[in-house]
Each structure stands twice: as C-alpha cells, then as structure tokens.
All heavy atoms as atom14 arrays in JSON, in Angstrom:
{
  "sequence": "ALQFTEEPLLCLPACVPPEKIPSYKGKMFWSNTVSTNLGRCSEVVA",
  "atom14_mask": [
    [1, 1, 1, 1, 1, 0, 0, 0, 0, 0, 0, 0, 0, 0],
    [1, 1, 1, 1, 1, 1, 1, 1, 0, 0, 0, 0, 0, 0],
    [1, 1, 1, 1, 1, 1, 1, 1, 1, 0, 0, 0, 0, 0],
    [1, 1, 1, 1, 1, 1, 1, 1, 1, 1, 1, 0, 0, 0],
    [1, 1, 1, 1, 1, 1, 1, 0, 0, 0, 0, 0, 0, 0],
    [1, 1, 1, 1, 1, 1, 1, 1, 1, 0, 0, 0, 0, 0],
    [1, 1, 1, 1, 1, 1, 1, 1, 1, 0, 0, 0, 0, 0],
    [1, 1, 1, 1, 1, 1, 1, 0, 0, 0, 0, 0, 0, 0],
    [1, 1, 1, 1, 1, 1, 1, 1, 0, 0, 0, 0, 0, 0],
    [1, 1, 1, 1, 1, 1, 1, 1, 0, 0, 0, 0, 0, 0],
    [1, 1, 1, 1, 1, 1, 0, 0, 0, 0, 0, 0, 0, 0],
    [1, 1, 1, 1, 1, 1, 1, 1, 0, 0, 0, 0, 0, 0],
    [1, 1, 1, 1, 1, 1, 1, 0, 0, 0, 0, 0, 0, 0],
    [1, 1, 1, 1, 1, 0, 0, 0, 0, 0, 0, 0, 0, 0],
    [1, 1, 1, 1, 1, 1, 0, 0, 0, 0, 0, 0, 0, 0],
    [1, 1, 1, 1, 1, 1, 1, 0, 0, 0, 0, 0, 0, 0],
    [1, 1, 1, 1, 1, 1, 1, 0, 0, 0, 0, 0, 0, 0],
    [1, 1, 1, 1, 1, 1, 1, 0, 0, 0, 0, 0, 0, 0],
    [1, 1, 1, 1, 1, 1, 1, 1, 1, 0, 0, 0, 0, 0],
    [1, 1, 1, 1, 1, 1, 1, 1, 1, 0, 0, 0, 0, 0],
    [1, 1, 1, 1, 1, 1, 1, 1, 0, 0, 0, 0, 0, 0],
    [1, 1, 1, 1, 1, 1, 1, 0, 0, 0, 0, 0, 0, 0],
    [1, 1, 1, 1, 1, 1, 0, 0, 0, 0, 0, 0, 0, 0],
    [1, 1, 1, 1, 1, 1, 1, 1, 1, 1, 1, 1, 0, 0],
    [1, 1, 1, 1, 1, 1, 1, 1, 1, 0, 0, 0, 0, 0],
    [1, 1, 1, 1, 0, 0, 0, 0, 0, 0, 0, 0, 0, 0],
    [1, 1, 1, 1, 1, 1, 1, 1, 1, 0, 0, 0, 0, 0],
    [1, 1, 1, 1, 1, 1, 1, 1, 0, 0, 0, 0, 0, 0],
    [1, 1, 1, 1, 1, 1, 1, 1, 1, 1, 1, 0, 0, 0],
    [1, 1, 1, 1, 1, 1, 1, 1, 1, 1, 1, 1, 1, 1],
    [1, 1, 1, 1, 1, 1, 0, 0, 0, 0, 0, 0, 0, 0],
    [1, 1, 1, 1, 1, 1, 1, 1, 0, 0, 0, 0, 0, 0],
    [1, 1, 1, 1, 1, 1, 1, 0, 0, 0, 0, 0, 0, 0],
    [1, 1, 1, 1, 1, 1, 1, 0, 0, 0, 0, 0, 0, 0],
    [1, 1, 1, 1, 1, 1, 0, 0, 0, 0, 0, 0, 0, 0],
    [1, 1, 1, 1, 1, 1, 1, 0, 0, 0, 0, 0, 0, 0],
    [1, 1, 1, 1, 1, 1, 1, 1, 0, 0, 0, 0, 0, 0],
    [1, 1, 1, 1, 1, 1, 1, 1, 0, 0, 0, 0, 0, 0],
    [1, 1, 1, 1, 0, 0, 0, 0, 0, 0, 0, 0, 0, 0],
    [1, 1, 1, 1, 1, 1, 1, 1, 1, 1, 1, 0, 0, 0],
    [1, 1, 1, 1, 1, 1, 0, 0, 0, 0, 0, 0, 0, 0],
    [1, 1, 1, 1, 1, 1, 0, 0, 0, 0, 0, 0, 0, 0],
    [1, 1, 1, 1, 1, 1, 1, 1, 1, 0, 0, 0, 0, 0],
    [1, 1, 1, 1, 1, 1, 1, 0, 0, 0, 0, 0, 0, 0],
    [1, 1, 1, 1, 1, 1, 1, 0, 0, 0, 0, 0, 0, 0],
    [1, 1, 1, 1, 1, 0, 0, 0, 0, 0, 0, 0, 0, 0]
  ],
  "atom14_positions": [
    [[0.81, -1.22, 0.0], [0.0, 0.0, 0.0], [0.84, 1.26, 0.0], [0.38, 2.32, -0.43], [-0.93, 0.0, 1.22], [0.0, 0.0, 0.0], [0.0, 0.0, 0.0], [0.0, 0.0, 0.0], [0.0, 0.0, 0.0], [0.0, 0.0, 0.0], [0.0, 0.0, 0.0], [0.0, 0.0, 0.0], [0.0, 0.0, 0.0], [0.0, 0.0, 0.0]],
    [[2.07, 1.15, 0.46], [2.91, 2.33, 0.55], [3.3, 2.89, -0.82], [3.84, 3.98, -0.92], [4.18, 2.03, 1.35], [3.96, 1.93, 2.87], [5.26, 1.55, 3.56], [3.42, 3.21, 3.44], [0.0, 0.0, 0.0], [0.0, 0.0, 0.0], [0.0, 0.0, 0.0], [0.0, 0.0, 0.0], [0.0, 0.0, 0.0], [0.0, 0.0, 0.0]],
    [[3.04, 2.13, -1.88], [3.34, 2.65, -3.2], [2.43, 3.82, -3.55], [2.7, 4.57, -4.48], [3.19, 1.55, -4.25], [1.75, 1.04, -4.42], [1.68, -0.06, -5.45], [2.0, 0.17, -6.59], [1.29, -1.26, -5.03], [0.0, 0.0, 0.0], [0.0, 0.0, 0.0], [0.0, 0.0, 0.0], [0.0, 0.0, 0.0], [0.0, 0.0, 0.0]],
    [[1.36, 4.0, -2.77], [0.45, 5.11, -3.02], [0.98, 6.42, -2.43], [0.47, 7.49, -2.72], [-0.93, 4.83, -2.4], [-1.66, 3.72, -3.09], [-1.9, 2.52, -2.44], [-2.1, 3.86, -4.4], [-2.57, 1.49, -3.07], [-2.77, 2.83, -5.04], [-3.0, 1.63, -4.37], [0.0, 0.0, 0.0], [0.0, 0.0, 0.0], [0.0, 0.0, 0.0]],
    [[1.97, 6.34, -1.54], [2.49, 7.55, -0.93], [3.45, 8.24, -1.87], [4.02, 7.63, -2.76], [3.24, 7.23, 0.39], [4.41, 6.49, 0.07], [2.36, 6.42, 1.33], [0.0, 0.0, 0.0], [0.0, 0.0, 0.0], [0.0, 0.0, 0.0], [0.0, 0.0, 0.0], [0.0, 0.0, 0.0], [0.0, 0.0, 0.0], [0.0, 0.0, 0.0]],
    [[3.64, 9.54, -1.62], [4.53, 10.32, -2.47], [5.97, 10.25, -1.99], [6.9, 10.56, -2.72], [4.08, 11.79, -2.47], [2.7, 12.0, -3.1], [2.3, 13.45, -3.07], [3.07, 14.27, -2.52], [1.23, 13.78, -3.59], [0.0, 0.0, 0.0], [0.0, 0.0, 0.0], [0.0, 0.0, 0.0], [0.0, 0.0, 0.0], [0.0, 0.0, 0.0]],
    [[6.16, 9.85, -0.72], [7.5, 9.88, -0.15], [8.21, 8.54, -0.31], [7.68, 7.52, 0.09], [7.44, 10.26, 1.33], [8.81, 10.43, 1.94], [8.75, 11.16, 3.27], [7.66, 11.24, 3.83], [9.79, 11.63, 3.72], [0.0, 0.0, 0.0], [0.0, 0.0, 0.0], [0.0, 0.0, 0.0], [0.0, 0.0, 0.0], [0.0, 0.0, 0.0]],
    [[9.41, 8.51, -0.9], [10.16, 7.27, -1.05], [10.47, 6.66, 0.32], [10.78, 7.36, 1.27], [11.46, 7.72, -1.74], [11.08, 8.99, -2.41], [10.1, 9.65, -1.49], [0.0, 0.0, 0.0], [0.0, 0.0, 0.0], [0.0, 0.0, 0.0], [0.0, 0.0, 0.0], [0.0, 0.0, 0.0], [0.0, 0.0, 0.0], [0.0, 0.0, 0.0]],
    [[10.37, 5.33, 0.39], [10.55, 4.63, 1.64], [11.43, 3.4, 1.46], [11.63, 2.92, 0.35], [9.18, 4.16, 2.2], [8.18, 5.26, 2.5], [6.78, 4.69, 2.42], [8.43, 5.83, 3.87], [0.0, 0.0, 0.0], [0.0, 0.0, 0.0], [0.0, 0.0, 0.0], [0.0, 0.0, 0.0], [0.0, 0.0, 0.0], [0.0, 0.0, 0.0]],
    [[11.89, 2.89, 2.57], [12.67, 1.66, 2.54], [12.52, 0.97, 3.88], [12.45, 1.61, 4.92], [14.16, 1.96, 2.31], [15.11, 0.76, 2.3], [14.89, -0.07, 1.04], [16.55, 1.23, 2.36], [0.0, 0.0, 0.0], [0.0, 0.0, 0.0], [0.0, 0.0, 0.0], [0.0, 0.0, 0.0], [0.0, 0.0, 0.0], [0.0, 0.0, 0.0]],
    [[12.41, -0.36, 3.86], [12.4, -1.13, 5.09], [13.71, -1.9, 5.18], [14.2, -2.45, 4.2], [11.23, -2.1, 5.13], [9.7, -1.36, 5.72], [0.0, 0.0, 0.0], [0.0, 0.0, 0.0], [0.0, 0.0, 0.0], [0.0, 0.0, 0.0], [0.0, 0.0, 0.0], [0.0, 0.0, 0.0], [0.0, 0.0, 0.0], [0.0, 0.0, 0.0]],
    [[14.26, -1.95, 6.37], [15.52, -2.64, 6.61], [15.4, -3.52, 7.85], [14.55, -3.26, 8.71], [16.64, -1.62, 6.82], [16.96, -0.67, 5.66], [17.93, 0.4, 6.13], [17.55, -1.43, 4.49], [0.0, 0.0, 0.0], [0.0, 0.0, 0.0], [0.0, 0.0, 0.0], [0.0, 0.0, 0.0], [0.0, 0.0, 0.0], [0.0, 0.0, 0.0]],
    [[16.24, -4.51, 7.97], [16.26, -5.3, 9.2], [16.59, -4.4, 10.39], [17.38, -3.45, 10.25], [17.37, -6.32, 8.95], [17.52, -6.38, 7.47], [17.21, -5.01, 6.98], [0.0, 0.0, 0.0], [0.0, 0.0, 0.0], [0.0, 0.0, 0.0], [0.0, 0.0, 0.0], [0.0, 0.0, 0.0], [0.0, 0.0, 0.0], [0.0, 0.0, 0.0]],
    [[16.03, -4.69, 11.55], [16.27, -3.86, 12.73], [17.72, -3.87, 13.14], [18.18, -2.97, 13.86], [15.4, -4.34, 13.88], [0.0, 0.0, 0.0], [0.0, 0.0, 0.0], [0.0, 0.0, 0.0], [0.0, 0.0, 0.0], [0.0, 0.0, 0.0], [0.0, 0.0, 0.0], [0.0, 0.0, 0.0], [0.0, 0.0, 0.0], [0.0, 0.0, 0.0]],
    [[18.48, -4.88, 12.7], [19.88, -4.98, 13.11], [20.8, -4.04, 12.34], [21.97, -3.91, 12.66], [20.37, -6.42, 12.94], [20.26, -7.01, 11.22], [0.0, 0.0, 0.0], [0.0, 0.0, 0.0], [0.0, 0.0, 0.0], [0.0, 0.0, 0.0], [0.0, 0.0, 0.0], [0.0, 0.0, 0.0], [0.0, 0.0, 0.0], [0.0, 0.0, 0.0]],
    [[20.27, -3.36, 11.33], [21.11, -2.44, 10.55], [21.51, -1.26, 11.44], [20.64, -0.56, 11.97], [20.37, -1.91, 9.3], [21.21, -0.85, 8.59], [20.08, -3.06, 8.35], [0.0, 0.0, 0.0], [0.0, 0.0, 0.0], [0.0, 0.0, 0.0], [0.0, 0.0, 0.0], [0.0, 0.0, 0.0], [0.0, 0.0, 0.0], [0.0, 0.0, 0.0]],
    [[22.8, -0.99, 11.64], [23.24, 0.12, 12.48], [22.8, 1.46, 11.88], [22.75, 1.61, 10.66], [24.78, 0.01, 12.46], [25.06, -1.39, 12.02], [23.94, -1.75, 11.09], [0.0, 0.0, 0.0], [0.0, 0.0, 0.0], [0.0, 0.0, 0.0], [0.0, 0.0, 0.0], [0.0, 0.0, 0.0], [0.0, 0.0, 0.0], [0.0, 0.0, 0.0]],
    [[22.45, 2.44, 12.72], [21.99, 3.76, 12.24], [22.95, 4.4, 11.24], [22.54, 5.0, 10.26], [21.9, 4.59, 13.53], [21.66, 3.57, 14.6], [22.45, 2.37, 14.2], [0.0, 0.0, 0.0], [0.0, 0.0, 0.0], [0.0, 0.0, 0.0], [0.0, 0.0, 0.0], [0.0, 0.0, 0.0], [0.0, 0.0, 0.0], [0.0, 0.0, 0.0]],
    [[24.27, 4.22, 11.49], [25.24, 4.87, 10.61], [25.29, 4.23, 9.22], [25.83, 4.8, 8.29], [26.64, 4.87, 11.24], [27.24, 3.48, 11.44], [26.87, 2.87, 12.79], [25.93, 3.39, 13.44], [27.52, 1.89, 13.19], [0.0, 0.0, 0.0], [0.0, 0.0, 0.0], [0.0, 0.0, 0.0], [0.0, 0.0, 0.0], [0.0, 0.0, 0.0]],
    [[24.72, 3.02, 9.11], [24.73, 2.33, 7.83], [23.5, 2.66, 6.97], [23.48, 2.39, 5.77], [24.78, 0.81, 8.05], [26.07, 0.3, 8.71], [27.26, 0.46, 7.77], [28.51, -0.15, 8.38], [29.68, 0.0, 7.49], [0.0, 0.0, 0.0], [0.0, 0.0, 0.0], [0.0, 0.0, 0.0], [0.0, 0.0, 0.0], [0.0, 0.0, 0.0]],
    [[22.48, 3.22, 7.61], [21.23, 3.49, 6.89], [21.42, 4.37, 5.65], [20.86, 4.1, 4.6], [20.18, 4.11, 7.84], [19.74, 3.06, 8.86], [18.96, 4.64, 7.07], [18.76, 3.57, 9.89], [0.0, 0.0, 0.0], [0.0, 0.0, 0.0], [0.0, 0.0, 0.0], [0.0, 0.0, 0.0], [0.0, 0.0, 0.0], [0.0, 0.0, 0.0]],
    [[22.24, 5.46, 5.74], [22.42, 6.31, 4.54], [22.92, 5.55, 3.32], [22.66, 5.95, 2.19], [23.44, 7.35, 5.01], [23.23, 7.44, 6.48], [22.93, 6.03, 6.91], [0.0, 0.0, 0.0], [0.0, 0.0, 0.0], [0.0, 0.0, 0.0], [0.0, 0.0, 0.0], [0.0, 0.0, 0.0], [0.0, 0.0, 0.0], [0.0, 0.0, 0.0]],
    [[23.63, 4.44, 3.52], [24.16, 3.7, 2.38], [23.06, 3.03, 1.57], [23.26, 2.61, 0.44], [25.17, 2.65, 2.87], [24.51, 1.64, 3.63], [0.0, 0.0, 0.0], [0.0, 0.0, 0.0], [0.0, 0.0, 0.0], [0.0, 0.0, 0.0], [0.0, 0.0, 0.0], [0.0, 0.0, 0.0], [0.0, 0.0, 0.0], [0.0, 0.0, 0.0]],
    [[21.87, 2.92, 2.16], [20.74, 2.31, 1.47], [19.89, 3.35, 0.74], [18.89, 3.03, 0.11], [19.82, 1.58, 2.46], [20.43, 0.33, 3.04], [21.22, 0.4, 4.19], [20.2, -0.92, 2.48], [21.78, -0.74, 4.75], [20.75, -2.07, 3.03], [21.54, -1.97, 4.16], [22.07, -3.1, 4.7], [0.0, 0.0, 0.0], [0.0, 0.0, 0.0]],
    [[20.3, 4.61, 0.84], [19.5, 5.71, 0.31], [19.14, 5.52, -1.16], [18.04, 5.84, -1.6], [20.24, 7.03, 0.51], [19.41, 8.27, 0.19], [20.2, 9.52, 0.58], [19.38, 10.77, 0.27], [20.11, 12.01, 0.61], [0.0, 0.0, 0.0], [0.0, 0.0, 0.0], [0.0, 0.0, 0.0], [0.0, 0.0, 0.0], [0.0, 0.0, 0.0]],
    [[20.09, 4.98, -1.94], [19.84, 4.8, -3.37], [18.74, 3.81, -3.67], [18.2, 3.79, -4.78], [0.0, 0.0, 0.0], [0.0, 0.0, 0.0], [0.0, 0.0, 0.0], [0.0, 0.0, 0.0], [0.0, 0.0, 0.0], [0.0, 0.0, 0.0], [0.0, 0.0, 0.0], [0.0, 0.0, 0.0], [0.0, 0.0, 0.0], [0.0, 0.0, 0.0]],
    [[18.38, 2.97, -2.7], [17.33, 1.98, -2.92], [15.95, 2.51, -2.58], [14.97, 1.82, -2.76], [17.6, 0.73, -2.06], [18.91, 0.02, -2.36], [19.07, -1.18, -1.44], [20.39, -1.9, -1.67], [20.54, -3.07, -0.77], [0.0, 0.0, 0.0], [0.0, 0.0, 0.0], [0.0, 0.0, 0.0], [0.0, 0.0, 0.0], [0.0, 0.0, 0.0]],
    [[15.87, 3.72, -2.07], [14.61, 4.22, -1.54], [13.72, 4.86, -2.6], [13.26, 5.98, -2.46], [14.91, 5.19, -0.4], [15.64, 4.54, 0.75], [16.23, 5.68, 1.99], [14.71, 6.13, 2.77], [0.0, 0.0, 0.0], [0.0, 0.0, 0.0], [0.0, 0.0, 0.0], [0.0, 0.0, 0.0], [0.0, 0.0, 0.0], [0.0, 0.0, 0.0]],
    [[13.5, 4.17, -3.67], [12.62, 4.64, -4.72], [11.81, 3.46, -5.25], [12.3, 2.34, -5.33], [13.41, 5.27, -5.88], [14.13, 6.51, -5.48], [15.45, 6.46, -5.04], [13.49, 7.73, -5.5], [16.12, 7.6, -4.65], [14.16, 8.88, -5.11], [15.46, 8.82, -4.69], [0.0, 0.0, 0.0], [0.0, 0.0, 0.0], [0.0, 0.0, 0.0]],
    [[10.59, 3.7, -5.64], [9.74, 2.66, -6.21], [10.04, 2.5, -7.7], [9.99, 3.47, -8.44], [8.26, 3.02, -6.04], [7.85, 3.18, -4.63], [7.64, 4.35, -3.97], [7.63, 2.14, -3.68], [7.3, 4.12, -2.67], [7.28, 2.77, -2.47], [7.7, 0.75, -3.73], [6.99, 2.04, -1.32], [7.4, 0.03, -2.59], [7.06, 0.67, -1.4]],
    [[10.36, 1.31, -8.14], [10.61, 1.08, -9.57], [9.32, 0.69, -10.26], [8.39, 0.19, -9.63], [11.64, -0.04, -9.75], [11.09, -1.28, -9.36], [0.0, 0.0, 0.0], [0.0, 0.0, 0.0], [0.0, 0.0, 0.0], [0.0, 0.0, 0.0], [0.0, 0.0, 0.0], [0.0, 0.0, 0.0], [0.0, 0.0, 0.0], [0.0, 0.0, 0.0]],
    [[9.25, 0.95, -11.56], [8.06, 0.57, -12.32], [7.82, -0.94, -12.25], [6.69, -1.41, -12.19], [8.21, 1.0, -13.79], [8.2, 2.51, -13.93], [7.58, 3.19, -13.12], [8.88, 3.02, -14.93], [0.0, 0.0, 0.0], [0.0, 0.0, 0.0], [0.0, 0.0, 0.0], [0.0, 0.0, 0.0], [0.0, 0.0, 0.0], [0.0, 0.0, 0.0]],
    [[8.92, -1.69, -12.27], [8.79, -3.15, -12.22], [8.14, -3.59, -10.92], [7.22, -4.4, -10.91], [10.18, -3.81, -12.34], [10.78, -3.39, -13.54], [10.05, -5.32, -12.32], [0.0, 0.0, 0.0], [0.0, 0.0, 0.0], [0.0, 0.0, 0.0], [0.0, 0.0, 0.0], [0.0, 0.0, 0.0], [0.0, 0.0, 0.0], [0.0, 0.0, 0.0]],
    [[8.62, -3.02, -9.82], [8.04, -3.37, -8.53], [6.58, -2.99, -8.48], [5.72, -3.75, -8.05], [8.81, -2.67, -7.4], [8.08, -2.83, -6.08], [10.21, -3.26, -7.28], [0.0, 0.0, 0.0], [0.0, 0.0, 0.0], [0.0, 0.0, 0.0], [0.0, 0.0, 0.0], [0.0, 0.0, 0.0], [0.0, 0.0, 0.0], [0.0, 0.0, 0.0]],
    [[6.27, -1.78, -8.93], [4.9, -1.31, -8.91], [3.99, -2.22, -9.75], [2.88, -2.54, -9.36], [4.83, 0.13, -9.44], [3.51, 0.6, -9.43], [0.0, 0.0, 0.0], [0.0, 0.0, 0.0], [0.0, 0.0, 0.0], [0.0, 0.0, 0.0], [0.0, 0.0, 0.0], [0.0, 0.0, 0.0], [0.0, 0.0, 0.0], [0.0, 0.0, 0.0]],
    [[4.49, -2.65, -10.93], [3.7, -3.51, -11.79], [3.48, -4.87, -11.15], [2.36, -5.41, -11.17], [4.42, -3.7, -13.14], [4.6, -2.44, -13.74], [3.59, -4.6, -14.06], [0.0, 0.0, 0.0], [0.0, 0.0, 0.0], [0.0, 0.0, 0.0], [0.0, 0.0, 0.0], [0.0, 0.0, 0.0], [0.0, 0.0, 0.0], [0.0, 0.0, 0.0]],
    [[4.53, -5.43, -10.57], [4.42, -6.74, -9.95], [3.48, -6.73, -8.75], [2.74, -7.69, -8.52], [5.8, -7.23, -9.49], [6.7, -7.55, -10.67], [6.21, -7.78, -11.77], [8.01, -7.56, -10.46], [0.0, 0.0, 0.0], [0.0, 0.0, 0.0], [0.0, 0.0, 0.0], [0.0, 0.0, 0.0], [0.0, 0.0, 0.0], [0.0, 0.0, 0.0]],
    [[3.5, -5.63, -8.01], [2.64, -5.58, -6.82], [1.17, -5.36, -7.2], [0.27, -5.81, -6.51], [3.09, -4.44, -5.9], [4.41, -4.68, -5.16], [4.81, -3.42, -4.4], [4.28, -5.85, -4.2], [0.0, 0.0, 0.0], [0.0, 0.0, 0.0], [0.0, 0.0, 0.0], [0.0, 0.0, 0.0], [0.0, 0.0, 0.0], [0.0, 0.0, 0.0]],
    [[0.96, -4.66, -8.29], [-0.41, -4.39, -8.7], [-1.06, -3.32, -7.84], [-0.42, -2.73, -6.98], [0.0, 0.0, 0.0], [0.0, 0.0, 0.0], [0.0, 0.0, 0.0], [0.0, 0.0, 0.0], [0.0, 0.0, 0.0], [0.0, 0.0, 0.0], [0.0, 0.0, 0.0], [0.0, 0.0, 0.0], [0.0, 0.0, 0.0], [0.0, 0.0, 0.0]],
    [[-2.35, -3.12, -8.04], [-3.08, -2.1, -7.27], [-3.69, -2.75, -6.03], [-4.29, -3.81, -6.09], [-4.21, -1.51, -8.14], [-3.73, -0.91, -9.45], [-2.85, 0.3, -9.22], [-3.61, 1.42, -8.7], [-3.08, 2.58, -8.4], [-1.78, 2.77, -8.52], [-3.83, 3.55, -7.95], [0.0, 0.0, 0.0], [0.0, 0.0, 0.0], [0.0, 0.0, 0.0]],
    [[-3.51, -2.11, -4.92], [-4.04, -2.66, -3.67], [-5.53, -2.37, -3.56], [-6.03, -1.38, -4.09], [-3.32, -2.05, -2.48], [-1.61, -2.52, -2.39], [0.0, 0.0, 0.0], [0.0, 0.0, 0.0], [0.0, 0.0, 0.0], [0.0, 0.0, 0.0], [0.0, 0.0, 0.0], [0.0, 0.0, 0.0], [0.0, 0.0, 0.0], [0.0, 0.0, 0.0]],
    [[-6.21, -3.18, -2.85], [-7.64, -2.99, -2.62], [-7.85, -1.82, -1.68], [-6.94, -1.41, -0.95], [-8.25, -4.24, -2.01], [-7.72, -4.45, -0.71], [0.0, 0.0, 0.0], [0.0, 0.0, 0.0], [0.0, 0.0, 0.0], [0.0, 0.0, 0.0], [0.0, 0.0, 0.0], [0.0, 0.0, 0.0], [0.0, 0.0, 0.0], [0.0, 0.0, 0.0]],
    [[-9.06, -1.26, -1.65], [-9.36, -0.13, -0.8], [-9.21, -0.51, 0.67], [-8.82, 0.31, 1.5], [-10.77, 0.37, -1.06], [-10.94, 1.01, -2.43], [-12.34, 1.55, -2.62], [-13.13, 1.48, -1.66], [-12.62, 2.06, -3.71], [0.0, 0.0, 0.0], [0.0, 0.0, 0.0], [0.0, 0.0, 0.0], [0.0, 0.0, 0.0], [0.0, 0.0, 0.0]],
    [[-9.5, -1.75, 0.98], [-9.4, -2.2, 2.37], [-7.96, -2.15, 2.85], [-7.65, -1.62, 3.92], [-9.95, -3.64, 2.52], [-9.71, -4.15, 3.93], [-11.42, -3.68, 2.18], [0.0, 0.0, 0.0], [0.0, 0.0, 0.0], [0.0, 0.0, 0.0], [0.0, 0.0, 0.0], [0.0, 0.0, 0.0], [0.0, 0.0, 0.0], [0.0, 0.0, 0.0]],
    [[-7.04, -2.68, 2.03], [-5.63, -2.68, 2.4], [-5.1, -1.26, 2.44], [-4.35, -0.88, 3.34], [-4.81, -3.53, 1.41], [-3.32, -3.41, 1.72], [-5.25, -4.98, 1.48], [0.0, 0.0, 0.0], [0.0, 0.0, 0.0], [0.0, 0.0, 0.0], [0.0, 0.0, 0.0], [0.0, 0.0, 0.0], [0.0, 0.0, 0.0], [0.0, 0.0, 0.0]],
    [[-5.49, -0.45, 1.46], [-5.02, 0.93, 1.41], [-5.5, 1.7, 2.63], [-4.75, 2.5, 3.21], [-5.53, 1.61, 0.14], [0.0, 0.0, 0.0], [0.0, 0.0, 0.0], [0.0, 0.0, 0.0], [0.0, 0.0, 0.0], [0.0, 0.0, 0.0], [0.0, 0.0, 0.0], [0.0, 0.0, 0.0], [0.0, 0.0, 0.0], [0.0, 0.0, 0.0]]
  ]
}
C-alpha cells in the first residue's frame, strides 16, 4: 500500500546500524517493475 504515498521509503532489518542506513538511500525509490508486480491494492488494504 505504501506505493500510493509520495515519499520514497525503505524497510531494513532492525539490526542495521543507524550509521549504515544512509548507504541504502539509493534503494529508496519505487521502480516501475516493482509497482507492476505488486499491482493495485484494494481499498481495504489501502
């Protein structure tokens, strides 16, 4: 459902140290492929 938001997001394992988080910054964008594979969420999930 988060693909509906305007702000890029990323989920990481809780064990990732805070100082390492910026290194994942480049992954924090939704790709067309991911969006297509996930499809449109139902209103209930959204």
